[in-house]
């Protein structure tokens, strides 16, 4: 099964408790996913060797194929979750957002 950016957004919605898409639009979460992919590229450019056409450009759409191995879908979804939670009340959610940010940081390291 090929994963898409929609897969990343859908996974991020689970811990955000937003399966009905009322708190965050797909466009907002997709923007965070695109930024997350740029962070992965910055930290792990080796993941994109031989995939010039799949390099992150912050312009992917929900239907685009996710270019990394399946294990990175959850990594980028954690980044999306952290970014989304940081847009909420920063005092209430700061600990939770920091935890998801640390998950991304730990998983994106070589």
N, C-alpha and C. Protein backbone atom coordinates (compact mmCIF):
# COMPACT_ATOMS: atom_id res chain seq x y z
N UNK A 1 0.84 -1.18 0.00
CA UNK A 1 0.00 0.00 0.00
C UNK A 1 0.88 1.24 0.00
N UNK A 2 0.68 2.10 -0.95
CA UNK A 2 1.43 3.35 -1.01
C UNK A 2 0.78 4.39 -0.10
N UNK A 3 1.60 5.01 0.70
CA UNK A 3 1.09 6.06 1.57
C UNK A 3 1.09 7.39 0.82
N UNK A 4 0.20 8.27 1.22
CA UNK A 4 0.11 9.61 0.64
C UNK A 4 0.23 10.63 1.77
N UNK A 5 0.25 11.88 1.39
CA UNK A 5 0.25 12.93 2.40
C UNK A 5 -1.06 12.93 3.18
N UNK A 6 -2.13 12.44 2.56
CA UNK A 6 -3.41 12.29 3.27
C UNK A 6 -3.24 11.30 4.43
N UNK A 7 -2.42 10.27 4.23
CA UNK A 7 -2.15 9.29 5.29
C UNK A 7 -1.51 9.98 6.49
N UNK A 8 -0.58 10.88 6.23
CA UNK A 8 0.11 11.62 7.30
C UNK A 8 -0.90 12.47 8.05
N UNK A 9 -1.72 13.21 7.31
CA UNK A 9 -2.72 14.09 7.93
C UNK A 9 -3.71 13.28 8.75
N UNK A 10 -4.16 12.16 8.22
CA UNK A 10 -5.12 11.31 8.94
C UNK A 10 -4.52 10.76 10.23
N UNK A 11 -3.26 10.34 10.19
CA UNK A 11 -2.59 9.85 11.41
C UNK A 11 -2.45 10.96 12.44
N UNK A 12 -2.16 12.16 12.00
CA UNK A 12 -2.00 13.28 12.93
C UNK A 12 -3.33 13.63 13.60
N UNK A 13 -4.43 13.41 12.91
CA UNK A 13 -5.75 13.73 13.48
C UNK A 13 -6.11 12.85 14.69
N UNK A 14 -5.54 11.65 14.77
CA UNK A 14 -5.88 10.75 15.87
C UNK A 14 -5.53 11.35 17.24
N UNK A 15 -4.28 11.71 17.52
CA UNK A 15 -3.99 12.30 18.83
C UNK A 15 -4.56 13.72 18.98
N UNK A 16 -4.88 14.36 17.87
CA UNK A 16 -5.49 15.69 17.95
C UNK A 16 -6.98 15.62 18.26
N UNK A 17 -7.53 14.41 18.27
CA UNK A 17 -8.97 14.21 18.50
C UNK A 17 -9.79 15.05 17.53
N UNK A 18 -9.43 14.97 16.25
CA UNK A 18 -10.07 15.79 15.23
C UNK A 18 -10.47 14.95 14.01
N UNK A 19 -11.03 13.78 14.27
CA UNK A 19 -11.41 12.92 13.15
C UNK A 19 -12.52 13.54 12.31
N UNK A 20 -13.33 14.42 12.90
CA UNK A 20 -14.41 15.06 12.14
C UNK A 20 -13.95 16.34 11.44
N UNK A 21 -12.68 16.65 11.54
CA UNK A 21 -12.05 17.78 10.84
C UNK A 21 -12.66 19.13 11.19
N UNK A 22 -13.00 19.32 12.46
CA UNK A 22 -13.56 20.60 12.88
C UNK A 22 -12.53 21.55 13.47
N UNK A 23 -11.46 21.02 14.05
CA UNK A 23 -10.46 21.89 14.68
C UNK A 23 -9.40 22.36 13.70
N UNK A 24 -9.01 21.49 12.78
CA UNK A 24 -7.94 21.81 11.85
C UNK A 24 -8.36 21.43 10.44
N UNK A 25 -8.13 22.31 9.50
CA UNK A 25 -8.46 22.00 8.11
C UNK A 25 -7.37 21.09 7.53
N UNK A 26 -7.73 20.38 6.47
CA UNK A 26 -6.74 19.57 5.77
C UNK A 26 -5.60 20.45 5.27
N UNK A 27 -5.93 21.64 4.80
CA UNK A 27 -4.91 22.55 4.27
C UNK A 27 -3.89 22.93 5.34
N UNK A 28 -4.35 23.19 6.55
CA UNK A 28 -3.44 23.55 7.64
C UNK A 28 -2.52 22.39 7.98
N UNK A 29 -3.10 21.20 8.13
CA UNK A 29 -2.28 20.04 8.49
C UNK A 29 -1.34 19.65 7.35
N UNK A 30 -1.79 19.83 6.11
CA UNK A 30 -0.91 19.56 4.97
C UNK A 30 0.27 20.52 4.96
N UNK A 31 0.04 21.78 5.28
CA UNK A 31 1.14 22.74 5.35
C UNK A 31 2.16 22.30 6.40
N UNK A 32 1.68 21.83 7.54
CA UNK A 32 2.60 21.33 8.57
C UNK A 32 3.35 20.09 8.07
N UNK A 33 2.67 19.21 7.33
CA UNK A 33 3.33 18.02 6.79
C UNK A 33 4.41 18.41 5.79
N UNK A 34 4.12 19.39 4.95
CA UNK A 34 5.13 19.86 4.00
C UNK A 34 6.33 20.45 4.73
N UNK A 35 6.10 21.19 5.79
CA UNK A 35 7.20 21.74 6.57
C UNK A 35 7.98 20.62 7.26
N UNK A 36 7.25 19.61 7.74
CA UNK A 36 7.91 18.46 8.37
C UNK A 36 8.84 17.74 7.40
N UNK A 37 8.41 17.61 6.16
CA UNK A 37 9.26 16.96 5.16
C UNK A 37 10.52 17.78 4.89
N UNK A 38 10.40 19.10 4.92
CA UNK A 38 11.59 19.93 4.75
C UNK A 38 12.55 19.73 5.93
N UNK A 39 12.00 19.52 7.13
CA UNK A 39 12.84 19.26 8.29
C UNK A 39 13.54 17.91 8.17
N UNK A 40 12.82 16.92 7.64
CA UNK A 40 13.44 15.61 7.42
C UNK A 40 14.58 15.74 6.41
N UNK A 41 14.33 16.48 5.34
CA UNK A 41 15.37 16.68 4.32
C UNK A 41 16.59 17.37 4.92
N UNK A 42 16.37 18.34 5.79
CA UNK A 42 17.48 19.05 6.42
C UNK A 42 18.30 18.12 7.32
N UNK A 43 17.63 17.24 8.03
CA UNK A 43 18.31 16.36 8.97
C UNK A 43 18.82 15.07 8.34
N UNK A 44 18.11 14.57 7.33
CA UNK A 44 18.45 13.29 6.71
C UNK A 44 18.39 13.37 5.18
N UNK A 45 19.26 14.15 4.56
CA UNK A 45 19.22 14.24 3.10
C UNK A 45 19.51 12.90 2.42
N UNK A 46 20.18 12.00 3.13
CA UNK A 46 20.48 10.68 2.57
C UNK A 46 19.22 9.88 2.23
N UNK A 47 18.11 10.19 2.87
CA UNK A 47 16.86 9.49 2.59
C UNK A 47 16.33 9.77 1.19
N UNK A 48 16.81 10.83 0.59
CA UNK A 48 16.30 11.25 -0.72
C UNK A 48 17.29 10.99 -1.86
N UNK A 49 18.36 10.26 -1.58
CA UNK A 49 19.33 9.93 -2.62
C UNK A 49 18.62 9.13 -3.70
N UNK A 50 18.78 9.57 -4.94
CA UNK A 50 18.15 8.90 -6.07
C UNK A 50 16.68 9.22 -6.25
N UNK A 51 16.17 10.16 -5.47
CA UNK A 51 14.75 10.52 -5.54
C UNK A 51 14.60 12.02 -5.84
N UNK A 52 15.33 12.51 -6.80
CA UNK A 52 15.30 13.94 -7.08
C UNK A 52 13.88 14.44 -7.34
N UNK A 53 13.07 13.67 -8.02
CA UNK A 53 11.70 14.09 -8.33
C UNK A 53 10.82 14.13 -7.09
N UNK A 54 11.25 13.47 -6.01
CA UNK A 54 10.45 13.41 -4.80
C UNK A 54 10.94 14.34 -3.70
N UNK A 55 11.90 15.19 -4.01
CA UNK A 55 12.41 16.10 -2.98
C UNK A 55 11.28 16.98 -2.45
N UNK A 56 11.24 17.19 -1.13
CA UNK A 56 10.22 18.07 -0.57
C UNK A 56 10.37 19.49 -1.11
N UNK A 57 9.24 20.08 -1.46
CA UNK A 57 9.26 21.45 -1.96
C UNK A 57 8.20 22.32 -1.30
N UNK A 58 7.56 21.79 -0.25
CA UNK A 58 6.51 22.49 0.49
C UNK A 58 5.29 22.78 -0.37
N UNK A 59 5.15 22.05 -1.47
CA UNK A 59 4.00 22.26 -2.36
C UNK A 59 3.28 20.95 -2.68
N UNK A 60 3.47 19.93 -1.88
CA UNK A 60 2.80 18.66 -2.12
C UNK A 60 1.32 18.80 -1.77
N UNK A 61 0.49 18.00 -2.42
CA UNK A 61 -0.94 17.98 -2.15
C UNK A 61 -1.29 16.67 -1.47
N UNK A 62 -2.48 16.57 -0.92
CA UNK A 62 -2.88 15.41 -0.14
C UNK A 62 -2.77 14.10 -0.92
N UNK A 63 -3.03 14.13 -2.21
CA UNK A 63 -3.01 12.91 -3.02
C UNK A 63 -1.62 12.49 -3.45
N UNK A 64 -0.59 13.33 -3.24
CA UNK A 64 0.77 12.98 -3.64
C UNK A 64 1.28 11.81 -2.80
N UNK A 65 2.06 10.96 -3.44
CA UNK A 65 2.65 9.80 -2.77
C UNK A 65 3.70 10.26 -1.77
N UNK A 66 3.66 9.67 -0.59
CA UNK A 66 4.66 9.95 0.44
C UNK A 66 5.96 9.28 0.00
N UNK A 67 7.06 10.05 -0.14
CA UNK A 67 8.26 9.53 -0.79
C UNK A 67 9.21 8.70 0.07
N UNK A 68 8.94 8.61 1.37
CA UNK A 68 9.86 7.91 2.27
C UNK A 68 9.31 6.55 2.66
N UNK A 69 10.16 5.70 3.27
CA UNK A 69 9.66 4.42 3.75
C UNK A 69 8.50 4.60 4.73
N UNK A 70 7.67 3.58 4.84
CA UNK A 70 6.45 3.65 5.64
C UNK A 70 6.69 4.09 7.08
N UNK A 71 7.81 3.75 7.64
CA UNK A 71 8.11 4.12 9.03
C UNK A 71 8.14 5.61 9.26
N UNK A 72 8.39 6.38 8.23
CA UNK A 72 8.48 7.83 8.38
C UNK A 72 7.11 8.52 8.30
N UNK A 73 6.08 7.79 7.93
CA UNK A 73 4.73 8.38 7.92
C UNK A 73 4.36 8.83 9.33
N UNK A 74 4.58 7.96 10.32
CA UNK A 74 4.27 8.31 11.70
C UNK A 74 5.19 9.41 12.21
N UNK A 75 6.44 9.41 11.79
CA UNK A 75 7.38 10.45 12.22
C UNK A 75 6.89 11.83 11.79
N UNK A 76 6.49 11.96 10.53
CA UNK A 76 6.00 13.24 10.03
C UNK A 76 4.64 13.56 10.66
N UNK A 77 3.82 12.55 10.90
CA UNK A 77 2.53 12.79 11.57
C UNK A 77 2.75 13.34 12.98
N UNK A 78 3.78 12.87 13.68
CA UNK A 78 4.10 13.41 15.00
C UNK A 78 4.49 14.88 14.90
N UNK A 79 5.24 15.23 13.87
CA UNK A 79 5.61 16.63 13.65
C UNK A 79 4.35 17.46 13.41
N UNK A 80 3.44 16.95 12.58
CA UNK A 80 2.19 17.67 12.29
C UNK A 80 1.40 17.87 13.57
N UNK A 81 1.32 16.83 14.39
CA UNK A 81 0.60 16.92 15.66
C UNK A 81 1.21 17.99 16.55
N UNK A 82 2.53 17.99 16.66
CA UNK A 82 3.21 18.99 17.49
C UNK A 82 2.93 20.40 17.00
N UNK A 83 3.05 20.62 15.70
CA UNK A 83 2.80 21.95 15.16
C UNK A 83 1.36 22.39 15.36
N UNK A 84 0.43 21.48 15.16
CA UNK A 84 -0.99 21.82 15.34
C UNK A 84 -1.28 22.16 16.80
N UNK A 85 -0.73 21.39 17.71
CA UNK A 85 -0.98 21.66 19.13
C UNK A 85 -0.34 22.96 19.58
N UNK A 86 0.75 23.35 18.95
CA UNK A 86 1.37 24.63 19.30
C UNK A 86 0.53 25.83 18.88
N UNK A 87 -0.40 25.61 17.96
CA UNK A 87 -1.27 26.71 17.55
C UNK A 87 -2.42 26.91 18.53
N UNK A 88 -2.68 25.90 19.37
CA UNK A 88 -3.69 26.02 20.41
C UNK A 88 -3.12 26.82 21.57
N UNK A 89 -3.85 26.87 22.64
CA UNK A 89 -3.40 27.57 23.85
C UNK A 89 -2.06 27.03 24.29
N UNK A 90 -1.02 27.83 24.17
CA UNK A 90 0.33 27.33 24.42
C UNK A 90 0.57 26.93 25.86
N UNK A 91 -0.20 27.47 26.80
CA UNK A 91 0.03 27.10 28.21
C UNK A 91 -0.60 25.76 28.54
N UNK A 92 -1.74 25.48 27.96
CA UNK A 92 -2.42 24.22 28.23
C UNK A 92 -1.74 23.06 27.54
N UNK A 93 -1.30 23.25 26.31
CA UNK A 93 -0.79 22.15 25.51
C UNK A 93 0.72 22.13 25.34
N UNK A 94 1.44 23.01 25.99
CA UNK A 94 2.87 23.10 25.73
C UNK A 94 3.60 21.80 26.03
N UNK A 95 3.26 21.13 27.11
CA UNK A 95 3.92 19.87 27.44
C UNK A 95 3.64 18.80 26.42
N UNK A 96 2.40 18.70 25.98
CA UNK A 96 2.03 17.69 25.00
C UNK A 96 2.69 17.98 23.65
N UNK A 97 2.68 19.24 23.23
CA UNK A 97 3.32 19.61 21.97
C UNK A 97 4.82 19.33 22.02
N UNK A 98 5.44 19.63 23.15
CA UNK A 98 6.87 19.37 23.30
C UNK A 98 7.16 17.88 23.20
N UNK A 99 6.29 17.05 23.76
CA UNK A 99 6.49 15.61 23.70
C UNK A 99 6.44 15.10 22.25
N UNK A 100 5.46 15.60 21.47
CA UNK A 100 5.39 15.18 20.08
C UNK A 100 6.57 15.73 19.29
N UNK A 101 7.02 16.93 19.61
CA UNK A 101 8.21 17.48 18.96
C UNK A 101 9.44 16.64 19.22
N UNK A 102 9.56 16.15 20.46
CA UNK A 102 10.69 15.29 20.80
C UNK A 102 10.61 13.94 20.09
N UNK A 103 9.39 13.43 19.91
CA UNK A 103 9.23 12.20 19.14
C UNK A 103 9.77 12.38 17.73
N UNK A 104 9.40 13.49 17.10
CA UNK A 104 9.88 13.76 15.75
C UNK A 104 11.39 13.88 15.75
N UNK A 105 11.93 14.65 16.68
CA UNK A 105 13.37 14.87 16.71
C UNK A 105 14.15 13.58 16.89
N UNK A 106 13.65 12.70 17.74
CA UNK A 106 14.33 11.43 17.99
C UNK A 106 14.25 10.51 16.78
N UNK A 107 13.11 10.50 16.10
CA UNK A 107 12.93 9.60 14.98
C UNK A 107 13.60 10.09 13.71
N UNK A 108 13.81 11.39 13.60
CA UNK A 108 14.38 11.94 12.37
C UNK A 108 15.90 11.96 12.38
N UNK A 109 16.50 11.55 13.47
CA UNK A 109 17.97 11.54 13.56
C UNK A 109 18.52 10.29 12.88
N UNK A 110 19.74 10.39 12.34
CA UNK A 110 20.36 9.23 11.69
C UNK A 110 20.66 8.12 12.68
